[in-house]
Amino acid sequence: MQTAHHSALEAKHAGLDQKIAAEAQRPLPDTALLAALKKQKLKLKEEMTAQ
């Protein structure tokens, strides 16, 4: 059973996925921003699997 918290985490995870994809498509992607976004995404993934 999914809780509202888990659904919110999934939504944030998907949003980060979109931001990462958009940044990666830029001609000169900001590598520091990409690293930060990926780190946030990993933390969300870990939180989702911990539940």
PDB file of N, CA and C in Angstrom:
ATOM      1  N   MET A   1       0.834  -1.188   0.000  1.00  0.00           N
ATOM      2  CA  MET A   1       0.000   0.000   0.000  1.00  0.00           C
ATOM      3  C   MET A   1       0.880   1.254   0.000  1.00  0.00           C
ATOM      4  N   GLN A   2       0.577   2.165  -0.882  1.00  0.00           N
ATOM      5  CA  GLN A   2       1.352   3.400  -0.967  1.00  0.00           C
ATOM      6  C   GLN A   2       0.740   4.455  -0.067  1.00  0.00           C
ATOM      7  N   THR A   3       1.597   5.116   0.660  1.00  0.00           N
ATOM      8  CA  THR A   3       1.140   6.222   1.491  1.00  0.00           C
ATOM      9  C   THR A   3       1.265   7.519   0.697  1.00  0.00           C
ATOM     10  N   ALA A   4       0.680   8.564   1.235  1.00  0.00           N
ATOM     11  CA  ALA A   4       0.783   9.869   0.588  1.00  0.00           C
ATOM     12  C   ALA A   4       2.243  10.329   0.570  1.00  0.00           C
ATOM     13  N   HIS A   5       2.967   9.994   1.626  1.00  0.00           N
ATOM     14  CA  HIS A   5       4.387  10.372   1.698  1.00  0.00           C
ATOM     15  C   HIS A   5       5.172   9.677   0.591  1.00  0.00           C
ATOM     16  N   HIS A   6       4.921   8.398   0.397  1.00  0.00           N
ATOM     17  CA  HIS A   6       5.625   7.642  -0.640  1.00  0.00           C
ATOM     18  C   HIS A   6       5.281   8.195  -2.029  1.00  0.00           C
ATOM     19  N   SER A   7       4.037   8.529  -2.241  1.00  0.00           N
ATOM     20  CA  SER A   7       3.625   9.114  -3.522  1.00  0.00           C
ATOM     21  C   SER A   7       4.313  10.451  -3.760  1.00  0.00           C
ATOM     22  N   ALA A   8       4.440  11.240  -2.701  1.00  0.00           N
ATOM     23  CA  ALA A   8       5.112  12.534  -2.830  1.00  0.00           C
ATOM     24  C   ALA A   8       6.591  12.333  -3.168  1.00  0.00           C
ATOM     25  N   LEU A   9       7.216  11.336  -2.551  1.00  0.00           N
ATOM     26  CA  LEU A   9       8.615  11.041  -2.842  1.00  0.00           C
ATOM     27  C   LEU A   9       8.784  10.618  -4.302  1.00  0.00           C
ATOM     28  N   GLU A  10       7.854   9.797  -4.793  1.00  0.00           N
ATOM     29  CA  GLU A  10       7.913   9.367  -6.189  1.00  0.00           C
ATOM     30  C   GLU A  10       7.763  10.554  -7.134  1.00  0.00           C
ATOM     31  N   ALA A  11       6.887  11.482  -6.788  1.00  0.00           N
ATOM     32  CA  ALA A  11       6.690  12.672  -7.625  1.00  0.00           C
ATOM     33  C   ALA A  11       7.959  13.527  -7.649  1.00  0.00           C
ATOM     34  N   LYS A  12       8.583  13.695  -6.485  1.00  0.00           N
ATOM     35  CA  LYS A  12       9.831  14.468  -6.430  1.00  0.00           C
ATOM     36  C   LYS A  12      10.929  13.760  -7.226  1.00  0.00           C
ATOM     37  N   HIS A  13      10.969  12.440  -7.123  1.00  0.00           N
ATOM     38  CA  HIS A  13      11.967  11.640  -7.840  1.00  0.00           C
ATOM     39  C   HIS A  13      11.790  11.824  -9.347  1.00  0.00           C
ATOM     40  N   ALA A  14      10.545  11.776  -9.809  1.00  0.00           N
ATOM     41  CA  ALA A  14      10.266  11.958 -11.240  1.00  0.00           C
ATOM     42  C   ALA A  14      10.629  13.377 -11.686  1.00  0.00           C
ATOM     43  N   GLY A  15      10.357  14.355 -10.841  1.00  0.00           N
ATOM     44  CA  GLY A  15      10.698  15.738 -11.165  1.00  0.00           C
ATOM     45  C   GLY A  15      12.199  15.933 -11.294  1.00  0.00           C
ATOM     46  N   LEU A  16      12.948  15.300 -10.389  1.00  0.00           N
ATOM     47  CA  LEU A  16      14.405  15.376 -10.471  1.00  0.00           C
ATOM     48  C   LEU A  16      14.904  14.695 -11.738  1.00  0.00           C
ATOM     49  N   ASP A  17      14.269  13.591 -12.093  1.00  0.00           N
ATOM     50  CA  ASP A  17      14.628  12.874 -13.315  1.00  0.00           C
ATOM     51  C   ASP A  17      14.491  13.794 -14.532  1.00  0.00           C
ATOM     52  N   GLN A  18      13.400  14.549 -14.566  1.00  0.00           N
ATOM     53  CA  GLN A  18      13.165  15.474 -15.673  1.00  0.00           C
ATOM     54  C   GLN A  18      14.192  16.601 -15.680  1.00  0.00           C
ATOM     55  N   LYS A  19      14.515  17.127 -14.490  1.00  0.00           N
ATOM     56  CA  LYS A  19      15.509  18.206 -14.412  1.00  0.00           C
ATOM     57  C   LYS A  19      16.879  17.709 -14.866  1.00  0.00           C
ATOM     58  N   ILE A  20      17.231  16.492 -14.463  1.00  0.00           N
ATOM     59  CA  ILE A  20      18.517  15.913 -14.862  1.00  0.00           C
ATOM     60  C   ILE A  20      18.564  15.739 -16.377  1.00  0.00           C
ATOM     61  N   ALA A  21      17.492  15.218 -16.941  1.00  0.00           N
ATOM     62  CA  ALA A  21      17.442  15.010 -18.392  1.00  0.00           C
ATOM     63  C   ALA A  21      17.536  16.343 -19.140  1.00  0.00           C
ATOM     64  N   ALA A  22      16.822  17.350 -18.659  1.00  0.00           N
ATOM     65  CA  ALA A  22      16.835  18.662 -19.315  1.00  0.00           C
ATOM     66  C   ALA A  22      18.227  19.282 -19.247  1.00  0.00           C
ATOM     67  N   GLU A  23      18.866  19.184 -18.100  1.00  0.00           N
ATOM     68  CA  GLU A  23      20.210  19.762 -17.947  1.00  0.00           C
ATOM     69  C   GLU A  23      21.215  19.011 -18.813  1.00  0.00           C
ATOM     70  N   ALA A  24      21.086  17.703 -18.889  1.00  0.00           N
ATOM     71  CA  ALA A  24      22.017  16.895 -19.679  1.00  0.00           C
ATOM     72  C   ALA A  24      21.894  17.194 -21.176  1.00  0.00           C
ATOM     73  N   GLN A  25      20.733  17.664 -21.618  1.00  0.00           N
ATOM     74  CA  GLN A  25      20.510  17.961 -23.027  1.00  0.00           C
ATOM     75  C   GLN A  25      21.052  19.322 -23.448  1.00  0.00           C
ATOM     76  N   ARG A  26      21.383  20.151 -22.479  1.00  0.00           N
ATOM     77  CA  ARG A  26      21.923  21.479 -22.812  1.00  0.00           C
ATOM     78  C   ARG A  26      23.273  21.329 -23.506  1.00  0.00           C
ATOM     79  N   PRO A  27      23.624  22.284 -24.356  1.00  0.00           N
ATOM     80  CA  PRO A  27      24.919  22.211 -25.046  1.00  0.00           C
ATOM     81  C   PRO A  27      26.107  22.150 -24.077  1.00  0.00           C
ATOM     82  N   LEU A  28      26.059  22.919 -23.009  1.00  0.00           N
ATOM     83  CA  LEU A  28      27.108  22.884 -21.988  1.00  0.00           C
ATOM     84  C   LEU A  28      26.461  22.645 -20.625  1.00  0.00           C
ATOM     85  N   PRO A  29      26.178  21.386 -20.297  1.00  0.00           N
ATOM     86  CA  PRO A  29      25.506  21.108 -19.019  1.00  0.00           C
ATOM     87  C   PRO A  29      26.365  21.511 -17.826  1.00  0.00           C
ATOM     88  N   ASP A  30      25.710  21.971 -16.795  1.00  0.00           N
ATOM     89  CA  ASP A  30      26.385  22.349 -15.551  1.00  0.00           C
ATOM     90  C   ASP A  30      26.645  21.066 -14.764  1.00  0.00           C
ATOM     91  N   THR A  31      27.887  20.631 -14.749  1.00  0.00           N
ATOM     92  CA  THR A  31      28.212  19.351 -14.111  1.00  0.00           C
ATOM     93  C   THR A  31      27.990  19.386 -12.603  1.00  0.00           C
ATOM     94  N   ALA A  32      28.214  20.534 -11.984  1.00  0.00           N
ATOM     95  CA  ALA A  32      27.981  20.646 -10.539  1.00  0.00           C
ATOM     96  C   ALA A  32      26.487  20.516 -10.237  1.00  0.00           C
ATOM     97  N   LEU A  33      25.664  21.144 -11.057  1.00  0.00           N
ATOM     98  CA  LEU A  33      24.221  21.041 -10.875  1.00  0.00           C
ATOM     99  C   LEU A  33      23.760  19.605 -11.112  1.00  0.00           C
ATOM    100  N   LEU A  34      24.269  18.972 -12.158  1.00  0.00           N
ATOM    101  CA  LEU A  34      23.906  17.578 -12.431  1.00  0.00           C
ATOM    102  C   LEU A  34      24.279  16.677 -11.257  1.00  0.00           C
ATOM    103  N   ALA A  35      25.452  16.864 -10.704  1.00  0.00           N
ATOM    104  CA  ALA A  35      25.887  16.058  -9.565  1.00  0.00           C
ATOM    105  C   ALA A  35      24.967  16.270  -8.362  1.00  0.00           C
ATOM    106  N   ALA A  36      24.605  17.524  -8.111  1.00  0.00           N
ATOM    107  CA  ALA A  36      23.719  17.831  -6.982  1.00  0.00           C
ATOM    108  C   ALA A  36      22.338  17.214  -7.182  1.00  0.00           C
ATOM    109  N   LEU A  37      21.811  17.316  -8.403  1.00  0.00           N
ATOM    110  CA  LEU A  37      20.500  16.738  -8.691  1.00  0.00           C
ATOM    111  C   LEU A  37      20.523  15.220  -8.542  1.00  0.00           C
ATOM    112  N   LYS A  38      21.583  14.594  -9.025  1.00  0.00           N
ATOM    113  CA  LYS A  38      21.698  13.140  -8.919  1.00  0.00           C
ATOM    114  C   LYS A  38      21.816  12.699  -7.464  1.00  0.00           C
ATOM    115  N   LYS A  39      22.505  13.495  -6.664  1.00  0.00           N
ATOM    116  CA  LYS A  39      22.643  13.177  -5.240  1.00  0.00           C
ATOM    117  C   LYS A  39      21.281  13.263  -4.548  1.00  0.00           C
ATOM    118  N   GLN A  40      20.510  14.299  -4.875  1.00  0.00           N
ATOM    119  CA  GLN A  40      19.160  14.453  -4.310  1.00  0.00           C
ATOM    120  C   GLN A  40      18.282  13.274  -4.715  1.00  0.00           C
ATOM    121  N   LYS A  41      18.390  12.889  -5.989  1.00  0.00           N
ATOM    122  CA  LYS A  41      17.587  11.778  -6.505  1.00  0.00           C
ATOM    123  C   LYS A  41      17.933  10.488  -5.771  1.00  0.00           C
ATOM    124  N   LEU A  42      19.221  10.261  -5.529  1.00  0.00           N
ATOM    125  CA  LEU A  42      19.653   9.061  -4.818  1.00  0.00           C
ATOM    126  C   LEU A  42      19.121   9.046  -3.386  1.00  0.00           C
ATOM    127  N   LYS A  43      19.154  10.205  -2.716  1.00  0.00           N
ATOM    128  CA  LYS A  43      18.625  10.276  -1.349  1.00  0.00           C
ATOM    129  C   LYS A  43      17.134   9.954  -1.316  1.00  0.00           C
ATOM    130  N   LEU A  44      16.392  10.463  -2.310  1.00  0.00           N
ATOM    131  CA  LEU A  44      14.963  10.158  -2.380  1.00  0.00           C
ATOM    132  C   LEU A  44      14.739   8.663  -2.620  1.00  0.00           C
ATOM    133  N   LYS A  45      15.535   8.090  -3.501  1.00  0.00           N
ATOM    134  CA  LYS A  45      15.416   6.658  -3.821  1.00  0.00           C
ATOM    135  C   LYS A  45      15.679   5.820  -2.559  1.00  0.00           C
ATOM    136  N   GLU A  46      16.709   6.209  -1.808  1.00  0.00           N
ATOM    137  CA  GLU A  46      17.021   5.485  -0.577  1.00  0.00           C
ATOM    138  C   GLU A  46      15.887   5.610   0.433  1.00  0.00           C
ATOM    139  N   GLU A  47      15.292   6.791   0.529  1.00  0.00           N
ATOM    140  CA  GLU A  47      14.180   6.981   1.442  1.00  0.00           C
ATOM    141  C   GLU A  47      12.957   6.165   1.018  1.00  0.00           C
ATOM    142  N   MET A  48      12.735   6.074  -0.298  1.00  0.00           N
ATOM    143  CA  MET A  48      11.590   5.297  -0.778  1.00  0.00           C
ATOM    144  C   MET A  48      11.777   3.809  -0.494  1.00  0.00           C
ATOM    145  N   THR A  49      12.986   3.298  -0.650  1.00  0.00           N
ATOM    146  CA  THR A  49      13.220   1.874  -0.427  1.00  0.00           C
ATOM    147  C   THR A  49      13.268   1.530   1.056  1.00  0.00           C
ATOM    148  N   ALA A  50      13.531   2.522   1.893  1.00  0.00           N
ATOM    149  CA  ALA A  50      13.586   2.283   3.342  1.00  0.00           C
ATOM    150  C   ALA A  50      12.199   2.095   3.940  1.00  0.00           C
ATOM    151  N   GLN A  51      11.190   2.524   3.230  1.00  0.00           N
ATOM    152  CA  GLN A  51       9.822   2.422   3.772  1.00  0.00           C
ATOM    153  C   GLN A  51       9.232   1.061   3.554  1.00  0.00           C
TER     154      GLN A  51
END
